[in-house]
Protein backbone atom coordinates (compact mmCIF):
# COMPACT_ATOMS: atom_id res chain seq x y z
CA UNK A 1 79.53 104.66 85.85
CA UNK A 2 80.34 103.54 82.29
CA UNK A 3 83.67 103.32 80.46
CA UNK A 4 82.43 106.08 78.17
CA UNK A 5 81.74 108.36 81.14
CA UNK A 6 85.19 107.66 82.58
CA UNK A 7 86.95 108.50 79.29
CA UNK A 8 84.83 111.43 78.10
CA UNK A 9 86.44 114.25 80.16
CA UNK A 10 89.92 113.42 78.86
CA UNK A 11 89.25 115.13 75.54
CA UNK A 12 86.97 117.87 76.86
CA UNK A 13 89.31 119.28 79.53
CA UNK A 14 93.01 120.16 79.76
CA UNK A 15 94.82 117.35 81.59
CA UNK A 16 95.59 119.42 84.69
CA UNK A 17 91.96 120.57 84.97
CA UNK A 18 90.84 116.97 84.49
CA UNK A 19 93.23 115.84 87.23
CA UNK A 20 91.92 118.49 89.62
CA UNK A 21 88.30 117.58 88.86
CA UNK A 22 88.84 113.84 89.25
CA UNK A 23 90.83 114.44 92.43
CA UNK A 24 87.90 116.34 93.94
CA UNK A 25 85.39 113.72 92.86
CA UNK A 26 87.54 110.91 94.25
CA UNK A 27 87.62 112.65 97.63
CA UNK A 28 83.86 113.08 97.92
CA UNK A 29 81.98 111.09 100.56
CA UNK A 30 78.87 110.21 98.60
CA UNK A 31 77.40 107.36 100.61
CA UNK A 32 75.65 104.77 98.43
CA UNK A 33 76.77 106.55 95.24
CA UNK A 34 80.41 106.24 96.29
CA UNK A 35 79.91 102.57 97.13
CA UNK A 36 78.37 102.00 93.68
CA UNK A 37 81.38 103.55 91.98
CA UNK A 38 83.76 101.44 94.08
CA UNK A 39 81.81 98.26 93.26
CA UNK A 40 81.91 99.13 89.55
CA UNK A 41 85.67 99.72 89.74
CA UNK A 42 86.27 96.41 91.56
CA UNK A 43 84.33 94.51 88.91
CA UNK A 44 85.77 96.44 85.95
CA UNK A 45 89.41 95.98 87.01
CA UNK A 46 89.06 92.66 88.86
CA UNK A 47 90.44 94.03 92.14
CA UNK A 48 91.24 91.30 94.68
CA UNK A 49 89.51 92.59 97.80
CA UNK A 50 90.31 89.45 99.79
CA UNK A 51 93.78 90.92 100.37
CA UNK A 52 92.48 94.23 101.69
CA UNK A 53 92.37 94.99 105.41
CA UNK A 54 88.71 95.93 104.85
CA UNK A 55 87.11 93.79 102.14
CA UNK A 56 83.64 95.41 102.20
CA UNK A 57 83.35 98.17 99.54
CA UNK A 58 80.72 99.93 101.68
CA UNK A 59 83.31 100.49 104.42
CA UNK A 60 85.11 103.15 102.35
CA UNK A 61 83.70 106.67 102.68
CA UNK A 62 85.41 107.95 99.51
CA UNK A 63 86.98 106.50 96.40
CA UNK A 64 90.36 107.76 97.61
CA UNK A 65 90.03 105.72 100.80
CA UNK A 66 89.31 102.64 98.72
CA UNK A 67 92.09 103.29 96.21
CA UNK A 68 94.75 103.66 98.90
CA UNK A 69 93.34 100.76 100.97
CA UNK A 70 95.84 99.00 103.25
CA UNK A 71 96.49 95.28 102.93
CA UNK A 72 95.85 92.65 105.55
CA UNK A 73 98.91 91.90 107.70
CA UNK A 74 100.98 89.05 106.32
CA UNK A 75 99.72 89.04 102.71
CA UNK A 76 103.00 90.57 101.43
CA UNK A 77 105.82 88.88 103.36
CA UNK A 78 109.31 90.27 102.76
CA UNK A 79 111.69 87.97 100.90
CA UNK A 80 115.19 87.26 102.16
CA UNK A 81 116.88 89.56 99.62
CA UNK A 82 119.03 92.68 99.71
CA UNK A 83 116.47 94.53 97.56
CA UNK A 84 112.76 93.72 97.60
CA UNK A 85 110.07 94.89 95.20
CA UNK A 86 108.60 98.18 96.48
CA UNK A 87 105.12 97.85 94.89
CA UNK A 88 102.52 95.62 93.30
CA UNK A 89 102.56 96.05 89.53
CA UNK A 90 104.29 94.88 86.37
CA UNK A 91 107.88 95.40 85.28
CA UNK A 92 108.13 97.95 82.49
CA UNK A 93 111.92 97.73 82.08
CA UNK A 94 114.99 97.10 84.23
CA UNK A 95 118.73 96.69 83.93
CA UNK A 96 121.90 98.73 83.63
CA UNK A 97 121.97 102.49 83.21
CA UNK A 98 123.91 102.64 79.95
CA UNK A 99 125.49 105.06 77.45
CA UNK A 100 128.96 106.55 77.20
CA UNK A 101 128.32 108.68 80.29
CA UNK A 102 126.40 105.92 82.05
CA UNK A 103 123.29 108.08 82.23
CA UNK A 104 120.77 106.49 79.84
CA UNK A 105 117.69 104.62 81.10
CA UNK A 106 115.92 102.30 78.67
CA UNK A 107 112.24 103.17 78.37
CA UNK A 108 111.07 101.06 75.42
CA UNK A 109 112.31 100.06 71.98
CA UNK A 110 113.78 103.18 70.39
CA UNK A 111 113.48 105.32 73.52
CA UNK A 112 115.96 106.21 76.27
CA UNK A 113 116.02 109.14 78.69
CA UNK A 114 118.69 110.49 81.01
CA UNK A 115 118.99 110.12 84.76
CA UNK A 116 119.58 113.87 84.96
CA UNK A 117 116.27 114.61 83.25
CA UNK A 118 114.48 112.11 85.50
CA UNK A 119 115.68 113.74 88.75
CA UNK A 120 114.76 117.25 87.63
CA UNK A 121 118.03 118.40 86.04
CA UNK A 122 120.29 117.87 89.06
CA UNK A 123 123.60 116.77 87.50
CA UNK A 124 125.34 116.04 90.82
CA UNK A 125 122.51 113.78 91.97
CA UNK A 126 122.32 111.97 88.61
CA UNK A 127 126.09 111.39 88.62
CA UNK A 128 125.74 109.18 91.70
CA UNK A 129 123.96 106.62 89.52
CA UNK A 130 126.35 106.62 86.53
CA UNK A 131 126.56 103.06 85.15
CA UNK A 132 124.22 101.96 87.94
CA UNK A 133 120.96 100.04 87.75
CA UNK A 134 117.28 100.89 87.37
CA UNK A 135 113.87 99.25 87.60
CA UNK A 136 110.64 100.75 86.25
CA UNK A 137 107.39 99.28 87.58
CA UNK A 138 103.92 100.16 86.30
CA UNK A 139 100.96 100.15 88.69
CA UNK A 140 97.67 99.37 86.95
CA UNK A 141 94.29 100.51 88.29
CA UNK A 142 93.70 97.13 89.98
CA UNK A 143 96.93 97.20 91.98
CA UNK A 144 97.64 98.11 95.59
CA UNK A 145 98.83 101.73 95.42
CA UNK A 146 101.08 102.24 98.38
CA UNK A 147 104.84 102.33 97.81
CA UNK A 148 107.27 100.68 100.23
CA UNK A 149 111.01 100.72 100.83
CA UNK A 150 113.09 98.28 98.73
CA UNK A 151 115.76 98.36 101.46
CA UNK A 152 116.40 100.38 104.61
CA UNK A 153 117.42 103.99 104.07
CA UNK A 154 117.86 107.43 105.55
CA UNK A 155 115.93 110.16 103.76
CA UNK A 156 118.19 112.87 102.30
CA UNK A 157 115.92 115.01 100.13
CA UNK A 158 112.70 115.19 98.16
CA UNK A 159 112.27 117.04 94.86
CA UNK A 160 108.94 117.87 93.25
CA UNK A 161 109.33 118.20 89.46
CA UNK A 162 106.43 119.72 87.52
CA UNK A 163 105.58 118.15 84.19
CA UNK A 164 103.07 116.66 81.83
CA UNK A 165 100.31 114.22 82.74
CA UNK A 166 100.60 111.65 79.99
CA UNK A 167 99.22 108.19 80.59
CA UNK A 168 102.01 105.80 81.66
CA UNK A 169 100.56 102.50 80.42
CA UNK A 170 102.80 100.24 78.30
CA UNK A 171 101.36 101.52 75.02
CA UNK A 172 102.18 105.13 75.91
CA UNK A 173 105.65 104.14 77.14
CA UNK A 174 106.36 102.75 73.67
CA UNK A 175 105.10 105.87 71.92
CA UNK A 176 106.09 108.95 73.99
CA UNK A 177 109.85 109.70 74.03
CA UNK A 178 111.24 110.46 77.50
CA UNK A 179 107.86 109.78 79.09
CA UNK A 180 109.02 109.27 82.69
CA UNK A 181 111.30 112.32 82.56
CA UNK A 182 108.50 114.50 81.15
CA UNK A 183 105.62 113.69 83.50
CA UNK A 184 105.10 115.32 86.88
CA UNK A 185 107.05 113.42 89.54
CA UNK A 186 108.31 113.29 93.11
CA UNK A 187 111.98 112.29 93.49
CA UNK A 188 112.82 110.74 96.89
CA UNK A 189 116.55 110.38 97.64
CA UNK A 190 117.87 107.97 100.29
CA UNK A 191 121.19 106.70 101.62
CA UNK A 192 121.21 102.96 102.30
CA UNK A 193 123.52 100.10 103.11
CA UNK A 194 124.62 99.80 99.48
CA UNK A 195 124.89 103.52 98.79
CA UNK A 196 122.43 106.14 97.55
CA UNK A 197 119.17 105.14 95.91
CA UNK A 198 116.21 107.03 94.51
CA UNK A 199 112.51 106.25 94.33
CA UNK A 200 110.75 108.37 91.71
CA UNK A 201 106.95 108.55 91.92
CA UNK A 202 105.76 109.40 88.40
CA UNK A 203 102.40 111.08 87.93
CA UNK A 204 100.00 110.42 85.05
CA UNK A 205 96.60 111.34 83.63
CA UNK A 206 94.02 111.52 86.45
CA UNK A 207 96.60 111.05 89.22
CA UNK A 208 94.94 113.29 91.78
CA UNK A 209 97.96 113.49 94.05
CA UNK A 210 101.10 111.82 95.34
CA UNK A 211 102.00 111.66 99.02
CA UNK A 212 104.88 110.57 101.23
CA UNK A 213 104.72 109.40 104.83
CA UNK A 214 107.05 112.18 106.07
CA UNK A 215 105.41 115.08 104.21
CA UNK A 216 101.84 114.13 103.44
CA UNK A 217 100.31 115.22 100.13
CA UNK A 218 102.99 116.73 97.88
CA UNK A 219 100.71 117.73 95.01
CA UNK A 220 98.45 119.60 94.87
CA UNK A 221 99.49 122.36 94.97
CA UNK A 222 100.94 122.35 91.46
CA UNK A 223 102.88 125.62 91.28
CA UNK A 224 104.56 124.79 87.96
CA UNK A 225 108.03 125.19 89.46
CA UNK A 226 110.52 122.76 90.96
CA UNK A 227 110.47 122.42 94.77
CA UNK A 228 113.25 120.89 96.87
CA UNK A 229 113.23 119.75 100.52
CA UNK A 230 116.43 118.94 102.44
CA UNK A 231 115.98 116.31 105.18
CA UNK A 232 119.60 115.56 106.05
CA UNK A 233 119.34 117.21 109.47
CA UNK A 234 116.08 115.45 110.42
CA UNK A 235 117.40 111.89 110.76
CA UNK A 236 114.41 110.21 109.07
CA UNK A 237 115.04 106.45 108.76
CA UNK A 238 112.74 103.93 107.10
CA UNK A 239 113.14 100.16 107.32
CA UNK A 240 112.99 97.71 104.45
CA UNK A 241 109.31 97.15 103.63
CA UNK A 242 108.06 100.29 105.40
CA UNK A 243 105.48 102.36 103.55
CA UNK A 244 107.08 105.49 102.09
CA UNK A 245 104.34 106.94 99.87
CA UNK A 246 101.19 106.41 97.86
CA UNK A 247 99.41 107.36 94.65
CA UNK A 248 95.84 108.60 94.43
CA UNK A 249 95.06 106.93 91.08
CA UNK A 250 97.81 104.84 89.57
CA UNK A 251 101.11 105.45 87.93
CA UNK A 252 104.74 104.26 87.81
CA UNK A 253 107.73 104.01 90.14
CA UNK A 254 111.30 104.29 88.84
CA UNK A 255 114.02 103.01 91.18
CA UNK A 256 117.65 104.10 90.68
CA UNK A 257 120.46 102.12 92.31
CA UNK A 258 124.20 102.90 92.24
CA UNK A 259 126.95 101.17 90.30
CA UNK A 260 128.07 97.91 91.88
CA UNK A 261 127.80 94.15 91.72
CA UNK A 262 124.01 93.96 91.73
CA UNK A 263 122.11 91.03 90.23
CA UNK A 264 118.39 91.21 89.56
CA UNK A 265 116.39 88.10 90.41
CA UNK A 266 116.64 85.70 87.46
CA UNK A 267 112.95 85.76 86.51
CA UNK A 268 112.63 89.52 86.63
CA UNK A 269 111.87 90.40 83.01
CA UNK A 270 109.87 93.12 81.23
CA UNK A 271 106.06 92.67 81.44
CA UNK A 272 106.30 90.23 84.38
CA UNK A 273 103.77 90.91 87.17
CA UNK A 274 105.44 91.57 90.53
CA UNK A 275 104.29 91.89 94.11
CA UNK A 276 105.40 94.00 97.01
CA UNK A 277 108.05 92.27 99.11
CA UNK A 278 109.23 89.67 96.61
CA UNK A 279 112.97 89.31 95.93
CA UNK A 280 114.14 91.92 93.41
CA UNK A 281 117.96 91.86 93.57
CA UNK A 282 121.00 90.75 95.51
CA UNK A 283 124.09 92.86 96.11
CA UNK A 284 127.46 91.16 95.54
């Protein structure tokens, strides 16, 4: 599989059709052909298989199994912090939610977007994060693609928001206004020790699907309309560090935290690589 072959369909097919096609291909169990693709991917993106629970590429029946591979126990210890990093990746941006109404998230130089747009237009939900904090973390193809809890929380609701399928790499983030509030996404709302918080799983080009541990695969289907699930009566609790979801082909997570005396870890800066479980922030 060459780079040219991997890129070619992106300008021959509409993005949603491309996503559906790549999703089907990634789910195929092709024996030695699948193993060859996985080996190519490992070499191309320098994937560290020594951290995987199963290091042998031939052990994965499909590319999806490989891409969502679990880690070996103990390779991502949880730091002694109020908030820990929920994923492996690199920091895109982080800081205060700003603006006169306290609803503007910094995307890149010259670009902001609103919390209300990010959560699918729900003004009441967005208002809970006025003048709060955010962290945006980009997952590259080489990264571990399961998402974990930054702190303990009780699940309140999940919202599927239809949208575009732009790439979410740093170059695109600098060039596409409102990128993370325009792409397809799954908004997961929790109540935790420090108040409400939201984990937004943002889709991108060739993201075959997004899934959560309580629901399974959220998309497909892609009905083109907003969907909303209320979990308040189900008493679903997840502990700090528990897996809460995963991407099939990489993307971005946006974390919203409420207003309060929160301090990000001193060395957390844009472009810095981060790992699941490391200290992200302390609550005053």
